C-alpha atoms as a PDB file:
ATOM      1  CA  UNK A   1      -0.003   0.000  -0.002  1.00  0.00           C
ATOM      2  CA  UNK A   2       1.417   3.399  -0.965  1.00  0.00           C
ATOM      3  CA  UNK A   3       1.466   6.176   1.602  1.00  0.00           C
ATOM      4  CA  UNK A   4       1.189   9.872   0.754  1.00  0.00           C
ATOM      5  CA  UNK A   5       4.920   9.999   0.122  1.00  0.00           C
ATOM      6  CA  UNK A   6       4.732   7.244  -2.509  1.00  0.00           C
ATOM      7  CA  UNK A   7       6.420   4.651  -0.275  1.00  0.00           C
ATOM      8  CA  UNK A   8       5.100   1.141   0.331  1.00  0.00           C
ATOM      9  CA  UNK A   9       5.535   0.521   4.041  1.00  0.00           C
ATOM     10  CA  UNK A  10       2.221  -0.141   5.780  1.00  0.00           C
ATOM     11  CA  UNK A  11       2.485  -3.379   7.765  1.00  0.00           C
ATOM     12  CA  UNK A  12      -0.129  -5.868   8.888  1.00  0.00           C
ATOM     13  CA  UNK A  13       1.252  -5.460  12.390  1.00  0.00           C
ATOM     14  CA  UNK A  14       0.238  -1.794  12.410  1.00  0.00           C
ATOM     15  CA  UNK A  15      -3.250  -2.675  11.186  1.00  0.00           C
ATOM     16  CA  UNK A  16      -3.536  -5.186  14.029  1.00  0.00           C
ATOM     17  CA  UNK A  17      -2.528  -2.465  16.516  1.00  0.00           C
ATOM     18  CA  UNK A  18      -5.133  -0.161  15.008  1.00  0.00           C
ATOM     19  CA  UNK A  19      -7.913  -2.782  15.191  1.00  0.00           C
ATOM     20  CA  UNK A  20      -6.995  -3.695  18.772  1.00  0.00           C
ATOM     21  CA  UNK A  21      -7.355  -0.059  19.819  1.00  0.00           C
ATOM     22  CA  UNK A  22     -10.692   0.179  18.009  1.00  0.00           C
ATOM     23  CA  UNK A  23     -11.970  -2.999  19.677  1.00  0.00           C
ATOM     24  CA  UNK A  24     -10.760  -2.071  23.164  1.00  0.00           C
ATOM     25  CA  UNK A  25     -11.651   1.646  22.800  1.00  0.00           C
ATOM     26  CA  UNK A  26      -8.609   2.333  24.944  1.00  0.00           C
ATOM     27  CA  UNK A  27      -4.896   2.440  24.078  1.00  0.00           C
ATOM     28  CA  UNK A  28      -3.668   1.087  27.418  1.00  0.00           C
ATOM     29  CA  UNK A  29      -6.078  -1.863  27.261  1.00  0.00           C
ATOM     30  CA  UNK A  30      -4.987  -2.587  23.703  1.00  0.00           C
ATOM     31  CA  UNK A  31      -1.341  -2.460  24.778  1.00  0.00           C
ATOM     32  CA  UNK A  32      -2.008  -5.022  27.517  1.00  0.00           C
ATOM     33  CA  UNK A  33      -3.834  -7.288  25.087  1.00  0.00           C
ATOM     34  CA  UNK A  34      -0.992  -7.114  22.540  1.00  0.00           C
ATOM     35  CA  UNK A  35       1.789  -7.280  25.169  1.00  0.00           C
ATOM     36  CA  UNK A  36       3.464  -4.112  23.920  1.00  0.00           C
ATOM     37  CA  UNK A  37       4.024  -0.748  25.552  1.00  0.00           C
ATOM     38  CA  UNK A  38       1.471   2.042  25.348  1.00  0.00           C
ATOM     39  CA  UNK A  39       3.963   4.510  23.792  1.00  0.00           C
ATOM     40  CA  UNK A  40       4.688   1.954  21.054  1.00  0.00           C
ATOM     41  CA  UNK A  41       1.025   1.768  20.059  1.00  0.00           C
ATOM     42  CA  UNK A  42       0.566   5.544  20.296  1.00  0.00           C
ATOM     43  CA  UNK A  43       3.558   6.116  18.044  1.00  0.00           C
ATOM     44  CA  UNK A  44       2.349   3.526  15.530  1.00  0.00           C
ATOM     45  CA  UNK A  45      -1.111   5.117  15.392  1.00  0.00           C
ATOM     46  CA  UNK A  46       0.369   8.558  14.737  1.00  0.00           C
ATOM     47  CA  UNK A  47       2.592   7.062  12.025  1.00  0.00           C
ATOM     48  CA  UNK A  48      -0.429   5.331  10.508  1.00  0.00           C
ATOM     49  CA  UNK A  49      -2.376   8.599  10.332  1.00  0.00           C
ATOM     50  CA  UNK A  50       0.634  10.290   8.732  1.00  0.00           C
ATOM     51  CA  UNK A  51       0.875   7.442   6.234  1.00  0.00           C
ATOM     52  CA  UNK A  52      -2.758   7.524   5.099  1.00  0.00           C
ATOM     53  CA  UNK A  53      -2.929  11.316   5.332  1.00  0.00           C
ATOM     54  CA  UNK A  54      -6.125  11.556   7.415  1.00  0.00           C
ATOM     55  CA  UNK A  55      -7.104  11.725  11.080  1.00  0.00           C
ATOM     56  CA  UNK A  56      -8.518   8.373  12.185  1.00  0.00           C
ATOM     57  CA  UNK A  57      -9.253   9.108  15.847  1.00  0.00           C
ATOM     58  CA  UNK A  58     -10.922  11.908  17.759  1.00  0.00           C
ATOM     59  CA  UNK A  59      -8.661  12.734  20.658  1.00  0.00           C
ATOM     60  CA  UNK A  60      -9.302  14.490  23.948  1.00  0.00           C
ATOM     61  CA  UNK A  61     -11.470  11.921  25.727  1.00  0.00           C
ATOM     62  CA  UNK A  62     -10.736   8.908  27.911  1.00  0.00           C
ATOM     63  CA  UNK A  63     -12.034   6.528  25.271  1.00  0.00           C
ATOM     64  CA  UNK A  64     -11.106   6.206  21.612  1.00  0.00           C
ATOM     65  CA  UNK A  65     -13.635   7.495  19.084  1.00  0.00           C
ATOM     66  CA  UNK A  66     -13.285   7.134  15.335  1.00  0.00           C
ATOM     67  CA  UNK A  67     -13.662   9.917  12.801  1.00  0.00           C
ATOM     68  CA  UNK A  68     -15.762   9.261   9.698  1.00  0.00           C
ATOM     69  CA  UNK A  69     -12.533   8.425   7.861  1.00  0.00           C
ATOM     70  CA  UNK A  70     -11.614   6.100  10.713  1.00  0.00           C
ATOM     71  CA  UNK A  71     -14.953   4.293  10.462  1.00  0.00           C
ATOM     72  CA  UNK A  72     -14.313   3.596   6.782  1.00  0.00           C
ATOM     73  CA  UNK A  73     -10.696   2.614   7.379  1.00  0.00           C
ATOM     74  CA  UNK A  74     -11.572   0.114  10.125  1.00  0.00           C
ATOM     75  CA  UNK A  75     -13.912  -1.847   7.837  1.00  0.00           C
ATOM     76  CA  UNK A  76     -11.219  -2.031   5.150  1.00  0.00           C
ATOM     77  CA  UNK A  77      -8.529  -2.956   7.688  1.00  0.00           C
ATOM     78  CA  UNK A  78     -10.630  -5.844   9.002  1.00  0.00           C
ATOM     79  CA  UNK A  79     -11.032  -7.215   5.482  1.00  0.00           C
ATOM     80  CA  UNK A  80      -7.289  -6.907   4.774  1.00  0.00           C
ATOM     81  CA  UNK A  81      -6.283  -8.655   8.017  1.00  0.00           C
ATOM     82  CA  UNK A  82      -8.936 -11.368   7.609  1.00  0.00           C
ATOM     83  CA  UNK A  83      -7.807 -12.080   4.053  1.00  0.00           C
ATOM     84  CA  UNK A  84      -4.141 -12.185   5.123  1.00  0.00           C
ATOM     85  CA  UNK A  85      -4.893 -14.570   8.007  1.00  0.00           C
ATOM     86  CA  UNK A  86      -6.909 -16.835   5.730  1.00  0.00           C
ATOM     87  CA  UNK A  87      -4.127 -16.889   3.140  1.00  0.00           C
ATOM     88  CA  UNK A  88      -1.470 -17.722   5.733  1.00  0.00           C
ATOM     89  CA  UNK A  89      -3.629 -20.507   7.184  1.00  0.00           C
ATOM     90  CA  UNK A  90      -3.993 -22.054   3.739  1.00  0.00           C
ATOM     91  CA  UNK A  91      -0.293 -21.960   2.805  1.00  0.00           C
ATOM     92  CA  UNK A  92       1.051 -23.040   6.212  1.00  0.00           C
ATOM     93  CA  UNK A  93       0.002 -26.629   5.824  1.00  0.00           C
ATOM     94  CA  UNK A  94       1.689 -30.026   5.875  1.00  0.00           C
ATOM     95  CA  UNK A  95       1.452 -32.538   3.063  1.00  0.00           C
ATOM     96  CA  UNK A  96      -1.920 -33.501   4.502  1.00  0.00           C
ATOM     97  CA  UNK A  97      -4.614 -31.032   3.415  1.00  0.00           C
ATOM     98  CA  UNK A  98      -5.208 -28.382   6.055  1.00  0.00           C
ATOM     99  CA  UNK A  99      -6.195 -24.751   6.249  1.00  0.00           C
ATOM    100  CA  UNK A 100      -9.598 -23.123   6.362  1.00  0.00           C
ATOM    101  CA  UNK A 101     -12.521 -22.311   4.119  1.00  0.00           C
ATOM    102  CA  UNK A 102     -15.150 -19.616   4.521  1.00  0.00           C
ATOM    103  CA  UNK A 103     -18.704 -20.197   3.293  1.00  0.00           C
ATOM    104  CA  UNK A 104     -21.045 -17.241   3.152  1.00  0.00           C
ATOM    105  CA  UNK A 105     -24.653 -18.348   3.233  1.00  0.00           C
ATOM    106  CA  UNK A 106     -27.964 -16.688   2.746  1.00  0.00           C
ATOM    107  CA  UNK A 107     -30.762 -18.229   4.790  1.00  0.00           C
ATOM    108  CA  UNK A 108     -31.832 -21.354   2.899  1.00  0.00           C
ATOM    109  CA  UNK A 109     -33.020 -24.817   3.981  1.00  0.00           C
ATOM    110  CA  UNK A 110     -30.843 -26.210   1.164  1.00  0.00           C
ATOM    111  CA  UNK A 111     -27.870 -25.384   3.391  1.00  0.00           C
ATOM    112  CA  UNK A 112     -28.470 -28.914   4.731  1.00  0.00           C
ATOM    113  CA  UNK A 113     -26.691 -30.290   1.654  1.00  0.00           C
ATOM    114  CA  UNK A 114     -23.689 -28.077   2.353  1.00  0.00           C
ATOM    115  CA  UNK A 115     -23.708 -29.282   5.962  1.00  0.00           C
ATOM    116  CA  UNK A 116     -23.602 -32.882   4.723  1.00  0.00           C
ATOM    117  CA  UNK A 117     -20.575 -32.021   2.568  1.00  0.00           C
ATOM    118  CA  UNK A 118     -18.853 -30.440   5.567  1.00  0.00           C
ATOM    119  CA  UNK A 119     -19.495 -33.631   7.532  1.00  0.00           C
ATOM    120  CA  UNK A 120     -17.931 -35.597   4.670  1.00  0.00           C
ATOM    121  CA  UNK A 121     -14.990 -33.176   4.657  1.00  0.00           C
ATOM    122  CA  UNK A 122     -14.365 -33.925   8.330  1.00  0.00           C
ATOM    123  CA  UNK A 123     -13.771 -37.544   7.302  1.00  0.00           C
ATOM    124  CA  UNK A 124     -11.553 -36.874   4.287  1.00  0.00           C
ATOM    125  CA  UNK A 125      -9.649 -33.795   5.499  1.00  0.00           C
ATOM    126  CA  UNK A 126     -10.024 -33.466   9.293  1.00  0.00           C
ATOM    127  CA  UNK A 127      -7.467 -30.660   9.493  1.00  0.00           C
ATOM    128  CA  UNK A 128      -9.580 -28.330   7.361  1.00  0.00           C
ATOM    129  CA  UNK A 129     -11.599 -25.867   9.423  1.00  0.00           C
ATOM    130  CA  UNK A 130     -14.891 -24.535   8.083  1.00  0.00           C
ATOM    131  CA  UNK A 131     -16.211 -21.074   8.900  1.00  0.00           C
ATOM    132  CA  UNK A 132     -19.864 -20.285   8.183  1.00  0.00           C
ATOM    133  CA  UNK A 133     -20.870 -16.644   7.779  1.00  0.00           C
ATOM    134  CA  UNK A 134     -24.621 -16.018   7.718  1.00  0.00           C
ATOM    135  CA  UNK A 135     -25.629 -13.010   5.641  1.00  0.00           C
ATOM    136  CA  UNK A 136     -27.747 -12.059   2.646  1.00  0.00           C
ATOM    137  CA  UNK A 137     -27.091 -12.785  -1.029  1.00  0.00           C
ATOM    138  CA  UNK A 138     -25.949  -9.236  -1.852  1.00  0.00           C
ATOM    139  CA  UNK A 139     -23.262  -9.394   0.839  1.00  0.00           C
ATOM    140  CA  UNK A 140     -22.228 -12.892  -0.286  1.00  0.00           C
ATOM    141  CA  UNK A 141     -21.522 -11.551  -3.795  1.00  0.00           C
ATOM    142  CA  UNK A 142     -19.576  -8.553  -2.460  1.00  0.00           C
ATOM    143  CA  UNK A 143     -17.367 -10.674  -0.206  1.00  0.00           C
ATOM    144  CA  UNK A 144     -16.872 -13.320  -2.864  1.00  0.00           C
ATOM    145  CA  UNK A 145     -15.505 -10.663  -5.218  1.00  0.00           C
ATOM    146  CA  UNK A 146     -13.104  -9.478  -2.496  1.00  0.00           C
ATOM    147  CA  UNK A 147     -11.860 -13.020  -1.894  1.00  0.00           C
ATOM    148  CA  UNK A 148     -13.177 -13.124   1.672  1.00  0.00           C
ATOM    149  CA  UNK A 149     -15.496 -16.063   0.956  1.00  0.00           C
ATOM    150  CA  UNK A 150     -14.404 -19.268  -0.765  1.00  0.00           C
ATOM    151  CA  UNK A 151     -17.977 -20.337  -1.442  1.00  0.00           C
ATOM    152  CA  UNK A 152     -21.425 -18.813  -1.278  1.00  0.00           C
ATOM    153  CA  UNK A 153     -24.907 -20.250  -0.855  1.00  0.00           C
ATOM    154  CA  UNK A 154     -27.416 -17.972  -2.567  1.00  0.00           C
ATOM    155  CA  UNK A 155     -31.071 -18.131  -3.492  1.00  0.00           C
ATOM    156  CA  UNK A 156     -32.023 -18.002  -7.156  1.00  0.00           C
ATOM    157  CA  UNK A 157     -32.252 -15.997  -9.303  1.00  0.00           C
ATOM    158  CA  UNK A 158     -28.733 -14.647  -8.929  1.00  0.00           C
ATOM    159  CA  UNK A 159     -25.973 -13.403 -11.235  1.00  0.00           C
ATOM    160  CA  UNK A 160     -23.598 -16.328 -11.862  1.00  0.00           C
ATOM    161  CA  UNK A 161     -21.592 -14.942 -14.798  1.00  0.00           C
ATOM    162  CA  UNK A 162     -18.387 -14.774 -12.733  1.00  0.00           C
ATOM    163  CA  UNK A 163     -18.966 -18.030 -10.863  1.00  0.00           C
ATOM    164  CA  UNK A 164     -18.925 -21.761 -11.175  1.00  0.00           C
ATOM    165  CA  UNK A 165     -21.972 -23.201  -9.472  1.00  0.00           C
ATOM    166  CA  UNK A 166     -23.820 -26.296  -8.300  1.00  0.00           C
ATOM    167  CA  UNK A 167     -27.607 -26.263  -8.101  1.00  0.00           C
ATOM    168  CA  UNK A 168     -28.422 -27.543  -4.626  1.00  0.00           C
ATOM    169  CA  UNK A 169     -31.162 -30.187  -4.446  1.00  0.00           C
ATOM    170  CA  UNK A 170     -34.562 -29.405  -3.031  1.00  0.00           C
ATOM    171  CA  UNK A 171     -36.906 -26.445  -3.085  1.00  0.00           C
ATOM    172  CA  UNK A 172     -38.691 -24.349  -0.537  1.00  0.00           C
ATOM    173  CA  UNK A 173     -41.732 -22.126  -0.759  1.00  0.00           C
ATOM    174  CA  UNK A 174     -42.371 -18.459  -0.131  1.00  0.00           C
ATOM    175  CA  UNK A 175     -44.993 -17.404   2.368  1.00  0.00           C
ATOM    176  CA  UNK A 176     -45.634 -15.072   5.278  1.00  0.00           C
ATOM    177  CA  UNK A 177     -44.642 -15.284   8.917  1.00  0.00           C
ATOM    178  CA  UNK A 178     -47.547 -14.055  11.033  1.00  0.00           C
ATOM    179  CA  UNK A 179     -48.784 -14.160  14.611  1.00  0.00           C
ATOM    180  CA  UNK A 180     -50.527 -17.487  15.097  1.00  0.00           C
ATOM    181  CA  UNK A 181     -53.698 -15.975  16.591  1.00  0.00           C
ATOM    182  CA  UNK A 182     -54.044 -13.227  13.960  1.00  0.00           C
ATOM    183  CA  UNK A 183     -56.645 -13.317  11.191  1.00  0.00           C
ATOM    184  CA  UNK A 184     -53.958 -14.035   8.599  1.00  0.00           C
ATOM    185  CA  UNK A 185     -52.246 -16.533  10.889  1.00  0.00           C
ATOM    186  CA  UNK A 186     -55.324 -18.768  10.872  1.00  0.00           C
ATOM    187  CA  UNK A 187     -55.501 -19.031   7.081  1.00  0.00           C
ATOM    188  CA  UNK A 188     -54.337 -22.074   5.083  1.00  0.00           C
ATOM    189  CA  UNK A 189     -52.688 -19.912   2.418  1.00  0.00           C
ATOM    190  CA  UNK A 190     -52.174 -16.264   1.493  1.00  0.00           C
ATOM    191  CA  UNK A 191     -53.031 -14.514  -1.777  1.00  0.00           C
ATOM    192  CA  UNK A 192     -51.984 -11.149  -3.171  1.00  0.00           C
ATOM    193  CA  UNK A 193     -55.349  -9.725  -2.132  1.00  0.00           C
ATOM    194  CA  UNK A 194     -54.742 -10.872   1.463  1.00  0.00           C
ATOM    195  CA  UNK A 195     -51.553  -8.789   1.612  1.00  0.00           C
ATOM    196  CA  UNK A 196     -53.215  -5.523   0.680  1.00  0.00           C
ATOM    197  CA  UNK A 197     -53.820  -3.462   3.792  1.00  0.00           C
ATOM    198  CA  UNK A 198     -51.306  -5.510   5.794  1.00  0.00           C
ATOM    199  CA  UNK A 199     -48.151  -4.047   7.333  1.00  0.00           C
ATOM    200  CA  UNK A 200     -45.500  -5.966   5.425  1.00  0.00           C
ATOM    201  CA  UNK A 201     -41.880  -6.711   6.386  1.00  0.00           C
ATOM    202  CA  UNK A 202     -39.918  -7.411   3.180  1.00  0.00           C
ATOM    203  CA  UNK A 203     -36.540  -9.056   2.544  1.00  0.00           C
ATOM    204  CA  UNK A 204     -34.016  -6.479   1.345  1.00  0.00           C
ATOM    205  CA  UNK A 205     -32.055  -8.641  -1.116  1.00  0.00           C
ATOM    206  CA  UNK A 206     -32.458  -7.520  -4.720  1.00  0.00           C
ATOM    207  CA  UNK A 207     -33.073 -11.029  -6.050  1.00  0.00           C
ATOM    208  CA  UNK A 208     -35.788 -11.748  -3.488  1.00  0.00           C
ATOM    209  CA  UNK A 209     -37.486  -8.413  -4.166  1.00  0.00           C
ATOM    210  CA  UNK A 210     -37.548  -9.138  -7.917  1.00  0.00           C
ATOM    211  CA  UNK A 211     -39.056 -12.601  -7.365  1.00  0.00           C
ATOM    212  CA  UNK A 212     -41.712 -11.264  -5.009  1.00  0.00           C
ATOM    213  CA  UNK A 213     -42.582  -8.318  -7.240  1.00  0.00           C
ATOM    214  CA  UNK A 214     -43.164 -10.737 -10.124  1.00  0.00           C
ATOM    215  CA  UNK A 215     -45.486 -12.822  -7.940  1.00  0.00           C
ATOM    216  CA  UNK A 216     -47.277  -9.759  -6.599  1.00  0.00           C
ATOM    217  CA  UNK A 217     -47.803  -8.501 -10.129  1.00  0.00           C
ATOM    218  CA  UNK A 218     -46.771  -5.007  -9.041  1.00  0.00           C
ATOM    219  CA  UNK A 219     -43.974  -3.184  -7.301  1.00  0.00           C
ATOM    220  CA  UNK A 220     -43.487  -3.186  -3.561  1.00  0.00           C
ATOM    221  CA  UNK A 221     -44.417   0.532  -3.487  1.00  0.00           C
ATOM    222  CA  UNK A 222     -48.071  -0.484  -3.861  1.00  0.00           C
ATOM    223  CA  UNK A 223     -47.995  -2.274  -0.515  1.00  0.00           C
ATOM    224  CA  UNK A 224     -47.553  -0.961   3.014  1.00  0.00           C
ATOM    225  CA  UNK A 225     -43.891  -1.847   3.580  1.00  0.00           C
ATOM    226  CA  UNK A 226     -43.039  -0.998   7.192  1.00  0.00           C
ATOM    227  CA  UNK A 227     -39.607  -2.644   7.477  1.00  0.00           C
ATOM    228  CA  UNK A 228     -36.985  -4.663   5.604  1.00  0.00           C
ATOM    229  CA  UNK A 229     -34.655  -7.404   6.838  1.00  0.00           C
ATOM    230  CA  UNK A 230     -31.615  -9.355   5.707  1.00  0.00           C
ATOM    231  CA  UNK A 231     -31.881 -12.268   8.189  1.00  0.00           C
ATOM    232  CA  UNK A 232     -35.238 -13.681   9.211  1.00  0.00           C
ATOM    233  CA  UNK A 233     -34.527 -14.161  12.925  1.00  0.00           C
ATOM    234  CA  UNK A 234     -34.847 -10.461  13.708  1.00  0.00           C
ATOM    235  CA  UNK A 235     -37.801 -10.134  11.344  1.00  0.00           C
ATOM    236  CA  UNK A 236     -39.493 -12.838  13.417  1.00  0.00           C
ATOM    237  CA  UNK A 237     -39.001 -10.711  16.528  1.00  0.00           C
ATOM    238  CA  UNK A 238     -40.707  -7.812  14.736  1.00  0.00           C
ATOM    239  CA  UNK A 239     -43.622 -10.059  13.751  1.00  0.00           C
ATOM    240  CA  UNK A 240     -43.938 -11.314  17.323  1.00  0.00           C
ATOM    241  CA  UNK A 241     -44.049  -7.694  18.526  1.00  0.00           C
ATOM    242  CA  UNK A 242     -46.916  -6.881  16.170  1.00  0.00           C
ATOM    243  CA  UNK A 243     -44.942  -4.709  13.741  1.00  0.00           C
ATOM    244  CA  UNK A 244     -46.279  -6.598  10.728  1.00  0.00           C
ATOM    245  CA  UNK A 245     -46.119  -9.839   8.747  1.00  0.00           C
ATOM    246  CA  UNK A 246     -42.880 -10.970   7.089  1.00  0.00           C
ATOM    247  CA  UNK A 247     -42.601 -12.293   3.550  1.00  0.00           C
ATOM    248  CA  UNK A 248     -40.083 -15.119   3.813  1.00  0.00           C
ATOM    249  CA  UNK A 249     -39.021 -18.621   2.827  1.00  0.00           C
ATOM    250  CA  UNK A 250     -40.317 -21.724   4.578  1.00  0.00           C
ATOM    251  CA  UNK A 251     -38.025 -23.903   6.666  1.00  0.00           C
ATOM    252  CA  UNK A 252     -35.786 -21.156   8.040  1.00  0.00           C
ATOM    253  CA  UNK A 253     -37.457 -20.514  11.396  1.00  0.00           C
ATOM    254  CA  UNK A 254     -38.903 -23.349  13.482  1.00  0.00           C
ATOM    255  CA  UNK A 255     -42.309 -22.063  14.577  1.00  0.00           C
ATOM    256  CA  UNK A 256     -43.279 -25.182  16.557  1.00  0.00           C
ATOM    257  CA  UNK A 257     -44.614 -24.272  20.010  1.00  0.00           C
ATOM    258  CA  UNK A 258     -44.247 -20.541  19.288  1.00  0.00           C
ATOM    259  CA  UNK A 259     -46.692 -17.686  18.757  1.00  0.00           C
ATOM    260  CA  UNK A 260     -45.683 -17.503  15.094  1.00  0.00           C
ATOM    261  CA  UNK A 261     -46.920 -19.453  12.084  1.00  0.00           C
ATOM    262  CA  UNK A 262     -45.748 -19.774   8.482  1.00  0.00           C
ATOM    263  CA  UNK A 263     -48.509 -19.576   5.853  1.00  0.00           C
ATOM    264  CA  UNK A 264     -47.621 -20.428   2.205  1.00  0.00           C
ATOM    265  CA  UNK A 265     -48.391 -18.135  -0.707  1.00  0.00           C
ATOM    266  CA  UNK A 266     -50.936 -19.217  -3.289  1.00  0.00           C
ATOM    267  CA  UNK A 267     -50.321 -19.650  -6.135  1.00  0.00           C
ATOM    268  CA  UNK A 268     -47.162 -21.362  -4.860  1.00  0.00           C
ATOM    269  CA  UNK A 269     -43.881 -19.498  -5.294  1.00  0.00           C
ATOM    270  CA  UNK A 270     -40.843 -21.771  -5.066  1.00  0.00           C
ATOM    271  CA  UNK A 271     -37.276 -20.937  -4.093  1.00  0.00           C
ATOM    272  CA  UNK A 272     -34.078 -22.686  -5.250  1.00  0.00           C
ATOM    273  CA  UNK A 273     -30.485 -22.271  -4.072  1.00  0.00           C
ATOM    274  CA  UNK A 274     -27.014 -22.666  -5.582  1.00  0.00           C
ATOM    275  CA  UNK A 275     -23.500 -23.102  -4.269  1.00  0.00           C
ATOM    276  CA  UNK A 276     -21.198 -20.657  -6.083  1.00  0.00           C
ATOM    277  CA  UNK A 277     -17.433 -20.093  -6.239  1.00  0.00           C
ATOM    278  CA  UNK A 278     -15.319 -17.738  -8.306  1.00  0.00           C
ATOM    279  CA  UNK A 279     -14.056 -18.630 -11.760  1.00  0.00           C
ATOM    280  CA  UNK A 280     -11.066 -16.317 -11.297  1.00  0.00           C
ATOM    281  CA  UNK A 281      -8.192 -17.082  -8.957  1.00  0.00           C
ATOM    282  CA  UNK A 282      -6.501 -20.217  -7.666  1.00  0.00           C
ATOM    283  CA  UNK A 283      -8.522 -22.445  -5.362  1.00  0.00           C
ATOM    284  CA  UNK A 284      -6.756 -23.456  -2.144  1.00  0.00           C
ATOM    285  CA  UNK A 285      -6.242 -27.161  -1.313  1.00  0.00           C
ATOM    286  CA  UNK A 286      -8.742 -26.778   1.542  1.00  0.00           C
ATOM    287  CA  UNK A 287     -11.379 -25.358  -0.813  1.00  0.00           C
ATOM    288  CA  UNK A 288     -10.673 -28.099  -3.357  1.00  0.00           C
ATOM    289  CA  UNK A 289     -11.147 -30.725  -0.645  1.00  0.00           C
ATOM    290  CA  UNK A 290     -14.538 -29.255   0.244  1.00  0.00           C
ATOM    291  CA  UNK A 291     -15.632 -29.194  -3.400  1.00  0.00           C
ATOM    292  CA  UNK A 292     -14.563 -32.845  -3.740  1.00  0.00           C
ATOM    293  CA  UNK A 293     -16.701 -33.694  -0.696  1.00  0.00           C
ATOM    294  CA  UNK A 294     -19.647 -31.821  -2.189  1.00  0.00           C
ATOM    295  CA  UNK A 295     -19.323 -33.720  -5.467  1.00  0.00           C
ATOM    296  CA  UNK A 296     -19.077 -37.030  -3.606  1.00  0.00           C
ATOM    297  CA  UNK A 297     -22.528 -36.518  -2.089  1.00  0.00           C
ATOM    298  CA  UNK A 298     -23.922 -35.036  -5.334  1.00  0.00           C
ATOM    299  CA  UNK A 299     -22.540 -37.415  -7.998  1.00  0.00           C
ATOM    300  CA  UNK A 300     -24.518 -35.757 -10.805  1.00  0.00           C
ATOM    301  CA  UNK A 301     -22.441 -32.578 -10.315  1.00  0.00           C
ATOM    302  CA  UNK A 302     -19.014 -34.127 -10.914  1.00  0.00           C
END
């Protein structure tokens, strides 16, 4: 990375100091955590600000507060350090396959197939660690492009031009999550007409919005959208609190013995999922081992 003087001298160590101070919100606490002196960290932070040419911290208080530039820098620093750690873990391996893989997954019942592949991987490559990151499809694509995810599980339709992919078996259906004792919660199915006049909580992913708009036969602006979500768990809390009903996929939240109930849409709207990985770049041995395990349990995708 080039500093304002045109030199390339930013170190991962300095980024780790910076992130420790951000996490601890206190230089002395960060120094204790890193087993270095407080003056050392203070000097490194000043040098870092000189190097990037902006002020990262607001000074003058007992705790550390970030400037707007600092808020942006911390998110980038975390990605850089995470990518470096992942790369080191993958290259520091013995002849036996080891390392780590990161799978970013949207909420999808078809994740069960991926879980079966991970179980198979534990048999074939027990030294490979798997990290699951739950997020939405838009974030999966962004982190895949940055190399932070090795694989992604995304609901269809999705842009796969830059990816290899495996269509995961099984389907799920769209519906609404509603309070069990509500008028809608007692219905066997939900139509477009039933949604009019309801306070609706929508998924925020672009692909999901497009699918739902096609089914609704109109844009979401014609409905009373009161909130949007990226993960259904928190949307379920909103439904339970009476904020509205949530449009969602079946099989994500277990509503047994709860005050919530899933009601399918009619006509039925199905959802499919795919496992994706980048066409560009070299796949690590750990990632290759996972893909081999996936193909072992899905022989038609070899």
